[in-house]
C-alpha atoms as a PDB file:
ATOM      1  CA  UNK A   1      -0.147  -0.054  -0.195  1.00  0.00           C
ATOM      2  CA  UNK A   2       1.511   3.242  -1.185  1.00  0.00           C
ATOM      3  CA  UNK A   3       0.325   6.354   0.621  1.00  0.00           C
ATOM      4  CA  UNK A   4       1.216   9.906   0.385  1.00  0.00           C
ATOM      5  CA  UNK A   5       4.412  12.075   1.677  1.00  0.00           C
ATOM      6  CA  UNK A   6       3.731  13.743   4.877  1.00  0.00           C
ATOM      7  CA  UNK A   7       6.131  16.410   5.826  1.00  0.00           C
ATOM      8  CA  UNK A   8       6.151  18.659   8.785  1.00  0.00           C
ATOM      9  CA  UNK A   9       4.085  21.293   8.738  1.00  0.00           C
ATOM     10  CA  UNK A  10       5.256  25.054   8.155  1.00  0.00           C
ATOM     11  CA  UNK A  11       8.410  23.477   6.884  1.00  0.00           C
ATOM     12  CA  UNK A  12       8.053  23.236   2.808  1.00  0.00           C
ATOM     13  CA  UNK A  13       5.631  26.298   2.339  1.00  0.00           C
ATOM     14  CA  UNK A  14       1.969  25.860   1.513  1.00  0.00           C
ATOM     15  CA  UNK A  15       1.131  23.127  -0.769  1.00  0.00           C
ATOM     16  CA  UNK A  16      -0.591  24.244  -4.498  1.00  0.00           C
ATOM     17  CA  UNK A  17      -3.211  23.032  -6.380  1.00  0.00           C
ATOM     18  CA  UNK A  18      -2.600  21.874  -9.750  1.00  0.00           C
ATOM     19  CA  UNK A  19      -2.675  24.939 -11.786  1.00  0.00           C
ATOM     20  CA  UNK A  20      -5.371  23.394 -14.112  1.00  0.00           C
ATOM     21  CA  UNK A  21      -6.376  27.056 -14.854  1.00  0.00           C
ATOM     22  CA  UNK A  22      -3.277  27.790 -16.592  1.00  0.00           C
ATOM     23  CA  UNK A  23      -3.933  25.026 -19.284  1.00  0.00           C
ATOM     24  CA  UNK A  24      -6.601  26.880 -21.681  1.00  0.00           C
ATOM     25  CA  UNK A  25      -3.823  29.573 -21.907  1.00  0.00           C
ATOM     26  CA  UNK A  26      -1.431  27.397 -23.746  1.00  0.00           C
ATOM     27  CA  UNK A  27      -3.809  25.989 -25.864  1.00  0.00           C
ATOM     28  CA  UNK A  28      -5.285  29.519 -27.318  1.00  0.00           C
ATOM     29  CA  UNK A  29      -1.480  30.465 -27.545  1.00  0.00           C
ATOM     30  CA  UNK A  30      -1.146  27.260 -29.620  1.00  0.00           C
ATOM     31  CA  UNK A  31      -4.012  28.006 -31.658  1.00  0.00           C
ATOM     32  CA  UNK A  32      -2.690  31.771 -32.169  1.00  0.00           C
ATOM     33  CA  UNK A  33       0.438  30.706 -33.487  1.00  0.00           C
ATOM     34  CA  UNK A  34      -0.965  28.342 -36.146  1.00  0.00           C
ATOM     35  CA  UNK A  35      -3.091  30.298 -37.656  1.00  0.00           C
ATOM     36  CA  UNK A  36      -0.538  33.071 -38.074  1.00  0.00           C
ATOM     37  CA  UNK A  37       1.719  30.365 -39.481  1.00  0.00           C
ATOM     38  CA  UNK A  38      -1.082  28.959 -41.991  1.00  0.00           C
ATOM     39  CA  UNK A  39      -1.989  33.039 -43.075  1.00  0.00           C
ATOM     40  CA  UNK A  40       2.009  33.254 -43.626  1.00  0.00           C
ATOM     41  CA  UNK A  41       1.738  29.923 -45.393  1.00  0.00           C
ATOM     42  CA  UNK A  42      -0.699  31.406 -47.686  1.00  0.00           C
ATOM     43  CA  UNK A  43       0.569  34.885 -48.799  1.00  0.00           C
ATOM     44  CA  UNK A  44       3.882  33.537 -49.354  1.00  0.00           C
ATOM     45  CA  UNK A  45       2.512  30.965 -51.932  1.00  0.00           C
ATOM     46  CA  UNK A  46       0.081  34.279 -53.412  1.00  0.00           C
ATOM     47  CA  UNK A  47       3.553  35.833 -54.256  1.00  0.00           C
ATOM     48  CA  UNK A  48       5.982  32.874 -55.212  1.00  0.00           C
ATOM     49  CA  UNK A  49       3.834  30.129 -55.517  1.00  0.00           C
ATOM     50  CA  UNK A  50       1.173  30.903 -58.085  1.00  0.00           C
ATOM     51  CA  UNK A  51       0.749  27.944 -60.309  1.00  0.00           C
ATOM     52  CA  UNK A  52      -0.522  29.988 -63.452  1.00  0.00           C
ATOM     53  CA  UNK A  53       3.174  31.209 -64.318  1.00  0.00           C
ATOM     54  CA  UNK A  54       4.852  28.317 -65.807  1.00  0.00           C
ATOM     55  CA  UNK A  55       8.042  29.313 -67.335  1.00  0.00           C
ATOM     56  CA  UNK A  56      10.772  26.447 -69.470  1.00  0.00           C
ATOM     57  CA  UNK A  57      13.535  26.589 -71.023  1.00  0.00           C
ATOM     58  CA  UNK A  58      13.403  25.909 -75.531  1.00  0.00           C
ATOM     59  CA  UNK A  59      17.143  26.782 -75.473  1.00  0.00           C
ATOM     60  CA  UNK A  60      20.289  28.189 -74.398  1.00  0.00           C
ATOM     61  CA  UNK A  61      22.414  29.136 -77.378  1.00  0.00           C
ATOM     62  CA  UNK A  62      25.999  32.328 -78.034  1.00  0.00           C
ATOM     63  CA  UNK A  63      27.121  31.223 -74.716  1.00  0.00           C
ATOM     64  CA  UNK A  64      30.288  33.087 -74.538  1.00  0.00           C
ATOM     65  CA  UNK A  65      32.810  33.506 -71.593  1.00  0.00           C
ATOM     66  CA  UNK A  66      30.369  36.878 -71.160  1.00  0.00           C
ATOM     67  CA  UNK A  67      26.904  35.830 -71.895  1.00  0.00           C
ATOM     68  CA  UNK A  68      24.380  33.244 -72.593  1.00  0.00           C
ATOM     69  CA  UNK A  69      21.075  33.676 -75.219  1.00  0.00           C
ATOM     70  CA  UNK A  70      17.683  32.216 -73.111  1.00  0.00           C
ATOM     71  CA  UNK A  71      15.093  31.808 -75.059  1.00  0.00           C
ATOM     72  CA  UNK A  72      12.298  30.925 -72.642  1.00  0.00           C
ATOM     73  CA  UNK A  73       8.346  29.748 -72.588  1.00  0.00           C
ATOM     74  CA  UNK A  74       5.740  31.561 -69.974  1.00  0.00           C
ATOM     75  CA  UNK A  75       2.203  30.626 -69.425  1.00  0.00           C
ATOM     76  CA  UNK A  76       0.470  33.412 -67.969  1.00  0.00           C
ATOM     77  CA  UNK A  77      -3.480  34.435 -67.373  1.00  0.00           C
ATOM     78  CA  UNK A  78      -4.813  35.185 -71.026  1.00  0.00           C
ATOM     79  CA  UNK A  79      -3.433  38.399 -72.303  1.00  0.00           C
ATOM     80  CA  UNK A  80      -0.971  39.038 -69.061  1.00  0.00           C
ATOM     81  CA  UNK A  81       2.649  39.411 -68.317  1.00  0.00           C
ATOM     82  CA  UNK A  82       4.940  37.998 -65.627  1.00  0.00           C
ATOM     83  CA  UNK A  83       8.436  39.200 -64.298  1.00  0.00           C
ATOM     84  CA  UNK A  84      10.831  36.084 -64.607  1.00  0.00           C
ATOM     85  CA  UNK A  85      14.192  35.589 -62.674  1.00  0.00           C
ATOM     86  CA  UNK A  86      16.536  34.415 -65.399  1.00  0.00           C
ATOM     87  CA  UNK A  87      19.847  33.169 -64.230  1.00  0.00           C
ATOM     88  CA  UNK A  88      23.224  31.643 -65.333  1.00  0.00           C
ATOM     89  CA  UNK A  89      25.551  28.689 -63.281  1.00  0.00           C
ATOM     90  CA  UNK A  90      29.219  28.314 -64.640  1.00  0.00           C
ATOM     91  CA  UNK A  91      30.937  24.706 -64.576  1.00  0.00           C
ATOM     92  CA  UNK A  92      31.142  24.451 -60.623  1.00  0.00           C
ATOM     93  CA  UNK A  93      27.653  25.410 -60.137  1.00  0.00           C
ATOM     94  CA  UNK A  94      28.533  29.183 -58.906  1.00  0.00           C
ATOM     95  CA  UNK A  95      25.341  31.645 -59.844  1.00  0.00           C
ATOM     96  CA  UNK A  96      27.432  34.203 -62.917  1.00  0.00           C
ATOM     97  CA  UNK A  97      24.815  36.024 -63.419  1.00  0.00           C
ATOM     98  CA  UNK A  98      20.816  37.095 -63.152  1.00  0.00           C
ATOM     99  CA  UNK A  99      18.391  39.292 -64.386  1.00  0.00           C
ATOM    100  CA  UNK A 100      14.905  39.982 -64.077  1.00  0.00           C
ATOM    101  CA  UNK A 101      12.456  39.910 -67.563  1.00  0.00           C
ATOM    102  CA  UNK A 102       9.394  41.319 -67.828  1.00  0.00           C
ATOM    103  CA  UNK A 103       7.924  38.836 -70.376  1.00  0.00           C
ATOM    104  CA  UNK A 104       3.982  39.767 -71.757  1.00  0.00           C
ATOM    105  CA  UNK A 105       1.600  37.472 -73.652  1.00  0.00           C
ATOM    106  CA  UNK A 106       0.455  38.831 -76.868  1.00  0.00           C
ATOM    107  CA  UNK A 107      -3.728  39.070 -76.464  1.00  0.00           C
ATOM    108  CA  UNK A 108      -6.109  36.654 -76.173  1.00  0.00           C
ATOM    109  CA  UNK A 109      -2.894  34.141 -75.996  1.00  0.00           C
ATOM    110  CA  UNK A 110      -1.872  32.537 -72.796  1.00  0.00           C
ATOM    111  CA  UNK A 111       1.769  32.305 -73.719  1.00  0.00           C
ATOM    112  CA  UNK A 112       5.198  34.371 -74.184  1.00  0.00           C
ATOM    113  CA  UNK A 113       8.017  33.708 -75.318  1.00  0.00           C
ATOM    114  CA  UNK A 114      11.204  35.655 -75.444  1.00  0.00           C
ATOM    115  CA  UNK A 115      14.366  35.944 -75.893  1.00  0.00           C
ATOM    116  CA  UNK A 116      16.998  37.033 -73.505  1.00  0.00           C
ATOM    117  CA  UNK A 117      20.606  37.819 -73.707  1.00  0.00           C
ATOM    118  CA  UNK A 118      21.959  37.608 -70.340  1.00  0.00           C
ATOM    119  CA  UNK A 119      25.778  39.030 -69.709  1.00  0.00           C
ATOM    120  CA  UNK A 120      27.510  37.036 -67.606  1.00  0.00           C
ATOM    121  CA  UNK A 121      30.998  37.718 -64.739  1.00  0.00           C
ATOM    122  CA  UNK A 122      32.528  34.144 -65.643  1.00  0.00           C
ATOM    123  CA  UNK A 123      31.944  31.516 -69.035  1.00  0.00           C
ATOM    124  CA  UNK A 124      28.152  30.051 -68.045  1.00  0.00           C
ATOM    125  CA  UNK A 125      27.288  25.934 -68.645  1.00  0.00           C
ATOM    126  CA  UNK A 126      23.510  26.449 -68.643  1.00  0.00           C
ATOM    127  CA  UNK A 127      21.022  29.846 -68.604  1.00  0.00           C
ATOM    128  CA  UNK A 128      17.882  29.118 -66.484  1.00  0.00           C
ATOM    129  CA  UNK A 129      14.264  30.554 -65.219  1.00  0.00           C
ATOM    130  CA  UNK A 130      14.235  30.601 -61.383  1.00  0.00           C
ATOM    131  CA  UNK A 131      10.428  31.628 -61.126  1.00  0.00           C
ATOM    132  CA  UNK A 132       7.963  33.991 -62.861  1.00  0.00           C
ATOM    133  CA  UNK A 133       5.494  35.753 -60.467  1.00  0.00           C
ATOM    134  CA  UNK A 134       2.538  38.284 -61.385  1.00  0.00           C
ATOM    135  CA  UNK A 135       3.978  41.877 -62.579  1.00  0.00           C
ATOM    136  CA  UNK A 136       2.748  44.761 -60.004  1.00  0.00           C
END
């Protein structure tokens, strides 16, 4: 049989009842944090993850020690425009050039194709389109 420990009176102060009233504060605080995280995620998705702006590199040509020409297509809303981040990388993977390129689709079409001459600081081996987003 296990009995509760008995302490000498007055020696360890008064025993407190468990703090069950404070538990709801933690639950409310956790809920606020989850809602704030979801709001941030939705905002970041709208800015950087819009699936309506898809880019595809058609080819990259004219590679020299100081440039690369990147031909790419972008799917945008009908007649809309986008800003795309293009970059070039060297053989060791370092970024040797980048730029933001505005692309506008012809009226009534959802695809825009463009060619961009990107200046580089060293000889690139690849030209890429990192992301596209709506123009502001």
